[in-house]
Amino acid sequence: MEILKDSKGASYVDVGNIRISYIEQKNRSNLKDWPNADVIRIQAYTGKGKSLHQGAEYPINNEKDVYHLFEAFSKLMIDK
């Protein structure tokens, strides 16, 4: 898995047809900074080149927020 940069300088990784991006608050316009924090954005490719569907954004205020996201994924897989 390679960390890449998008056209706006945000770091992202591709996992299958999913792009997971880390968007720093300082790089967001005030109009789009609804969480007042950095965010992790999860988007799916549309199947038309590198076009992406609009994605969900998860606010990251501190390390614990990332751990809560990992915990949610782990709980989903616990009974599999």
N, C-alpha and C. Protein backbone atom coordinates (compact mmCIF):
# COMPACT_ATOMS: atom_id res chain seq x y z
N MET A 1 0.86 -1.17 0.00
CA MET A 1 0.00 0.00 0.00
C MET A 1 0.91 1.24 0.00
N GLU A 2 0.67 2.10 -0.96
CA GLU A 2 1.51 3.28 -1.12
C GLU A 2 0.73 4.53 -0.75
N ILE A 3 1.36 5.45 -0.02
CA ILE A 3 0.74 6.74 0.29
C ILE A 3 1.02 7.67 -0.88
N LEU A 4 -0.08 8.21 -1.45
CA LEU A 4 0.01 9.12 -2.59
C LEU A 4 -0.49 10.50 -2.18
N LYS A 5 -0.34 11.48 -3.06
CA LYS A 5 -0.85 12.85 -2.83
C LYS A 5 -1.82 13.20 -3.94
N ASP A 6 -2.96 13.81 -3.57
CA ASP A 6 -3.91 14.24 -4.59
C ASP A 6 -3.53 15.62 -5.11
N SER A 7 -4.34 16.18 -6.00
CA SER A 7 -4.03 17.47 -6.63
C SER A 7 -4.01 18.63 -5.64
N LYS A 8 -4.63 18.44 -4.46
CA LYS A 8 -4.64 19.50 -3.45
C LYS A 8 -3.63 19.24 -2.34
N GLY A 9 -2.82 18.19 -2.51
CA GLY A 9 -1.76 17.91 -1.54
C GLY A 9 -2.16 17.02 -0.38
N ALA A 10 -3.38 16.49 -0.40
CA ALA A 10 -3.83 15.59 0.67
C ALA A 10 -3.26 14.19 0.45
N SER A 11 -2.88 13.54 1.53
CA SER A 11 -2.37 12.17 1.46
C SER A 11 -3.55 11.20 1.33
N TYR A 12 -3.35 10.14 0.53
CA TYR A 12 -4.38 9.12 0.40
C TYR A 12 -3.76 7.77 0.06
N VAL A 13 -4.55 6.73 0.32
CA VAL A 13 -4.20 5.37 -0.09
C VAL A 13 -5.41 4.77 -0.80
N ASP A 14 -5.14 3.91 -1.76
CA ASP A 14 -6.20 3.17 -2.44
C ASP A 14 -6.24 1.76 -1.87
N VAL A 15 -7.45 1.31 -1.56
CA VAL A 15 -7.68 -0.05 -1.10
C VAL A 15 -8.81 -0.59 -1.98
N GLY A 16 -8.45 -1.41 -2.96
CA GLY A 16 -9.45 -1.86 -3.92
C GLY A 16 -10.00 -0.66 -4.67
N ASN A 17 -11.32 -0.52 -4.69
CA ASN A 17 -11.92 0.63 -5.38
C ASN A 17 -12.24 1.78 -4.42
N ILE A 18 -11.62 1.77 -3.25
CA ILE A 18 -11.85 2.79 -2.23
C ILE A 18 -10.61 3.68 -2.09
N ARG A 19 -10.85 4.98 -1.96
CA ARG A 19 -9.77 5.92 -1.64
C ARG A 19 -10.00 6.43 -0.22
N ILE A 20 -8.98 6.33 0.61
CA ILE A 20 -9.03 6.85 1.97
C ILE A 20 -8.03 8.01 2.04
N SER A 21 -8.55 9.21 2.30
CA SER A 21 -7.73 10.43 2.31
C SER A 21 -7.68 11.03 3.70
N TYR A 22 -6.55 11.66 4.00
CA TYR A 22 -6.42 12.45 5.23
C TYR A 22 -6.36 13.91 4.80
N ILE A 23 -7.39 14.68 5.19
CA ILE A 23 -7.50 16.08 4.80
C ILE A 23 -7.23 16.95 6.02
N GLU A 24 -6.16 17.73 5.96
CA GLU A 24 -5.84 18.61 7.08
C GLU A 24 -6.75 19.84 7.07
N GLN A 25 -7.17 20.24 8.27
CA GLN A 25 -8.06 21.39 8.39
C GLN A 25 -7.47 22.63 7.74
N LYS A 26 -6.17 22.83 7.87
CA LYS A 26 -5.54 24.03 7.33
C LYS A 26 -5.63 24.09 5.80
N ASN A 27 -5.90 22.94 5.15
CA ASN A 27 -6.00 22.89 3.70
C ASN A 27 -7.44 22.93 3.20
N ARG A 28 -8.40 23.13 4.09
CA ARG A 28 -9.82 23.18 3.70
C ARG A 28 -10.29 24.63 3.69
N SER A 29 -11.19 24.93 2.76
CA SER A 29 -11.78 26.27 2.78
C SER A 29 -12.72 26.36 3.98
N ASN A 30 -12.93 27.56 4.47
CA ASN A 30 -13.83 27.75 5.61
C ASN A 30 -15.24 27.25 5.32
N LEU A 31 -15.67 27.33 4.06
CA LEU A 31 -17.00 26.88 3.68
C LEU A 31 -17.16 25.37 3.82
N LYS A 32 -16.06 24.63 3.71
CA LYS A 32 -16.12 23.17 3.78
C LYS A 32 -15.59 22.63 5.09
N ASP A 33 -15.26 23.49 6.02
CA ASP A 33 -14.67 23.06 7.29
C ASP A 33 -15.73 22.89 8.38
N TRP A 34 -16.78 22.13 8.07
CA TRP A 34 -17.88 21.94 9.02
C TRP A 34 -17.43 21.28 10.33
N PRO A 35 -16.41 20.38 10.34
CA PRO A 35 -16.06 19.73 11.60
C PRO A 35 -15.06 20.52 12.45
N ASN A 36 -14.48 21.58 11.87
CA ASN A 36 -13.42 22.33 12.57
C ASN A 36 -12.30 21.40 13.03
N ALA A 37 -11.91 20.48 12.16
CA ALA A 37 -10.87 19.50 12.48
C ALA A 37 -10.34 18.90 11.18
N ASP A 38 -9.24 18.17 11.30
CA ASP A 38 -8.79 17.33 10.19
C ASP A 38 -9.87 16.26 9.98
N VAL A 39 -9.91 15.65 8.79
CA VAL A 39 -10.88 14.58 8.54
C VAL A 39 -10.23 13.44 7.77
N ILE A 40 -10.80 12.27 7.95
CA ILE A 40 -10.53 11.14 7.07
C ILE A 40 -11.73 11.05 6.15
N ARG A 41 -11.45 11.05 4.85
CA ARG A 41 -12.52 10.95 3.85
C ARG A 41 -12.43 9.59 3.17
N ILE A 42 -13.57 8.92 3.04
CA ILE A 42 -13.62 7.62 2.39
C ILE A 42 -14.54 7.74 1.18
N GLN A 43 -13.97 7.45 -0.01
CA GLN A 43 -14.71 7.58 -1.26
C GLN A 43 -14.52 6.32 -2.10
N ALA A 44 -15.49 6.04 -2.94
CA ALA A 44 -15.39 4.92 -3.89
C ALA A 44 -15.19 5.49 -5.29
N TYR A 45 -14.39 4.79 -6.08
CA TYR A 45 -14.24 5.16 -7.48
C TYR A 45 -15.53 4.82 -8.22
N THR A 46 -15.89 5.65 -9.21
CA THR A 46 -17.14 5.46 -9.95
C THR A 46 -17.03 4.38 -11.02
N GLY A 47 -15.82 3.98 -11.35
CA GLY A 47 -15.62 3.02 -12.44
C GLY A 47 -15.34 3.72 -13.76
N LYS A 48 -15.28 5.04 -13.73
CA LYS A 48 -15.00 5.85 -14.92
C LYS A 48 -13.66 6.55 -14.70
N GLY A 49 -12.57 5.85 -14.91
CA GLY A 49 -11.25 6.42 -14.68
C GLY A 49 -11.00 6.65 -13.21
N LYS A 50 -10.51 7.84 -12.89
CA LYS A 50 -10.20 8.16 -11.49
C LYS A 50 -11.30 9.00 -10.83
N SER A 51 -12.48 9.06 -11.45
CA SER A 51 -13.61 9.81 -10.86
C SER A 51 -14.05 9.15 -9.57
N LEU A 52 -14.40 9.99 -8.59
CA LEU A 52 -14.81 9.50 -7.27
C LEU A 52 -16.22 9.92 -6.94
N HIS A 53 -16.93 9.05 -6.21
CA HIS A 53 -18.21 9.45 -5.63
C HIS A 53 -17.91 10.38 -4.46
N GLN A 54 -18.89 11.21 -4.11
CA GLN A 54 -18.74 12.03 -2.93
C GLN A 54 -18.61 11.10 -1.74
N GLY A 55 -17.76 11.43 -0.79
CA GLY A 55 -17.50 10.49 0.29
C GLY A 55 -17.88 10.99 1.67
N ALA A 56 -17.83 10.07 2.59
CA ALA A 56 -18.07 10.39 3.99
C ALA A 56 -16.81 10.97 4.60
N GLU A 57 -16.98 11.91 5.54
CA GLU A 57 -15.85 12.49 6.25
C GLU A 57 -15.99 12.24 7.75
N TYR A 58 -14.91 11.78 8.35
CA TYR A 58 -14.88 11.47 9.78
C TYR A 58 -13.89 12.42 10.45
N PRO A 59 -14.37 13.29 11.36
CA PRO A 59 -13.48 14.26 12.01
C PRO A 59 -12.43 13.59 12.88
N ILE A 60 -11.21 14.12 12.82
CA ILE A 60 -10.10 13.64 13.62
C ILE A 60 -9.59 14.81 14.47
N ASN A 61 -9.96 14.79 15.75
CA ASN A 61 -9.49 15.82 16.67
C ASN A 61 -8.22 15.40 17.39
N ASN A 62 -8.05 14.08 17.54
CA ASN A 62 -6.87 13.55 18.22
C ASN A 62 -6.71 12.07 17.86
N GLU A 63 -5.66 11.46 18.38
CA GLU A 63 -5.37 10.05 18.07
C GLU A 63 -6.53 9.12 18.43
N LYS A 64 -7.23 9.40 19.51
CA LYS A 64 -8.31 8.52 19.96
C LYS A 64 -9.41 8.41 18.91
N ASP A 65 -9.65 9.48 18.16
CA ASP A 65 -10.67 9.41 17.12
C ASP A 65 -10.32 8.37 16.06
N VAL A 66 -9.04 8.26 15.72
CA VAL A 66 -8.60 7.26 14.75
C VAL A 66 -8.79 5.86 15.36
N TYR A 67 -8.45 5.70 16.64
CA TYR A 67 -8.60 4.40 17.29
C TYR A 67 -10.07 3.97 17.34
N HIS A 68 -10.98 4.93 17.54
CA HIS A 68 -12.41 4.60 17.54
C HIS A 68 -12.86 4.09 16.17
N LEU A 69 -12.32 4.67 15.12
CA LEU A 69 -12.65 4.21 13.77
C LEU A 69 -12.13 2.78 13.55
N PHE A 70 -10.88 2.52 13.96
CA PHE A 70 -10.32 1.16 13.87
C PHE A 70 -11.15 0.17 14.69
N GLU A 71 -11.58 0.59 15.87
CA GLU A 71 -12.39 -0.27 16.74
C GLU A 71 -13.70 -0.64 16.05
N ALA A 72 -14.31 0.33 15.37
CA ALA A 72 -15.58 0.05 14.67
C ALA A 72 -15.37 -0.99 13.58
N PHE A 73 -14.30 -0.86 12.78
CA PHE A 73 -14.01 -1.86 11.76
C PHE A 73 -13.78 -3.22 12.37
N SER A 74 -13.04 -3.25 13.48
CA SER A 74 -12.75 -4.52 14.15
C SER A 74 -14.03 -5.18 14.66
N LYS A 75 -14.92 -4.39 15.25
CA LYS A 75 -16.17 -4.96 15.77
C LYS A 75 -17.03 -5.53 14.65
N LEU A 76 -17.02 -4.89 13.50
CA LEU A 76 -17.78 -5.40 12.37
C LEU A 76 -17.28 -6.78 11.93
N MET A 77 -15.99 -7.03 12.10
CA MET A 77 -15.39 -8.27 11.64
C MET A 77 -15.28 -9.34 12.72
N ILE A 78 -15.62 -9.02 13.96
CA ILE A 78 -15.39 -9.93 15.09
C ILE A 78 -16.12 -11.25 14.94
N ASP A 79 -17.30 -11.27 14.37
CA ASP A 79 -18.09 -12.49 14.24
C ASP A 79 -17.94 -13.17 12.88
N LYS A 80 -17.05 -12.70 12.06
CA LYS A 80 -16.89 -13.26 10.71
C LYS A 80 -15.96 -14.44 10.71
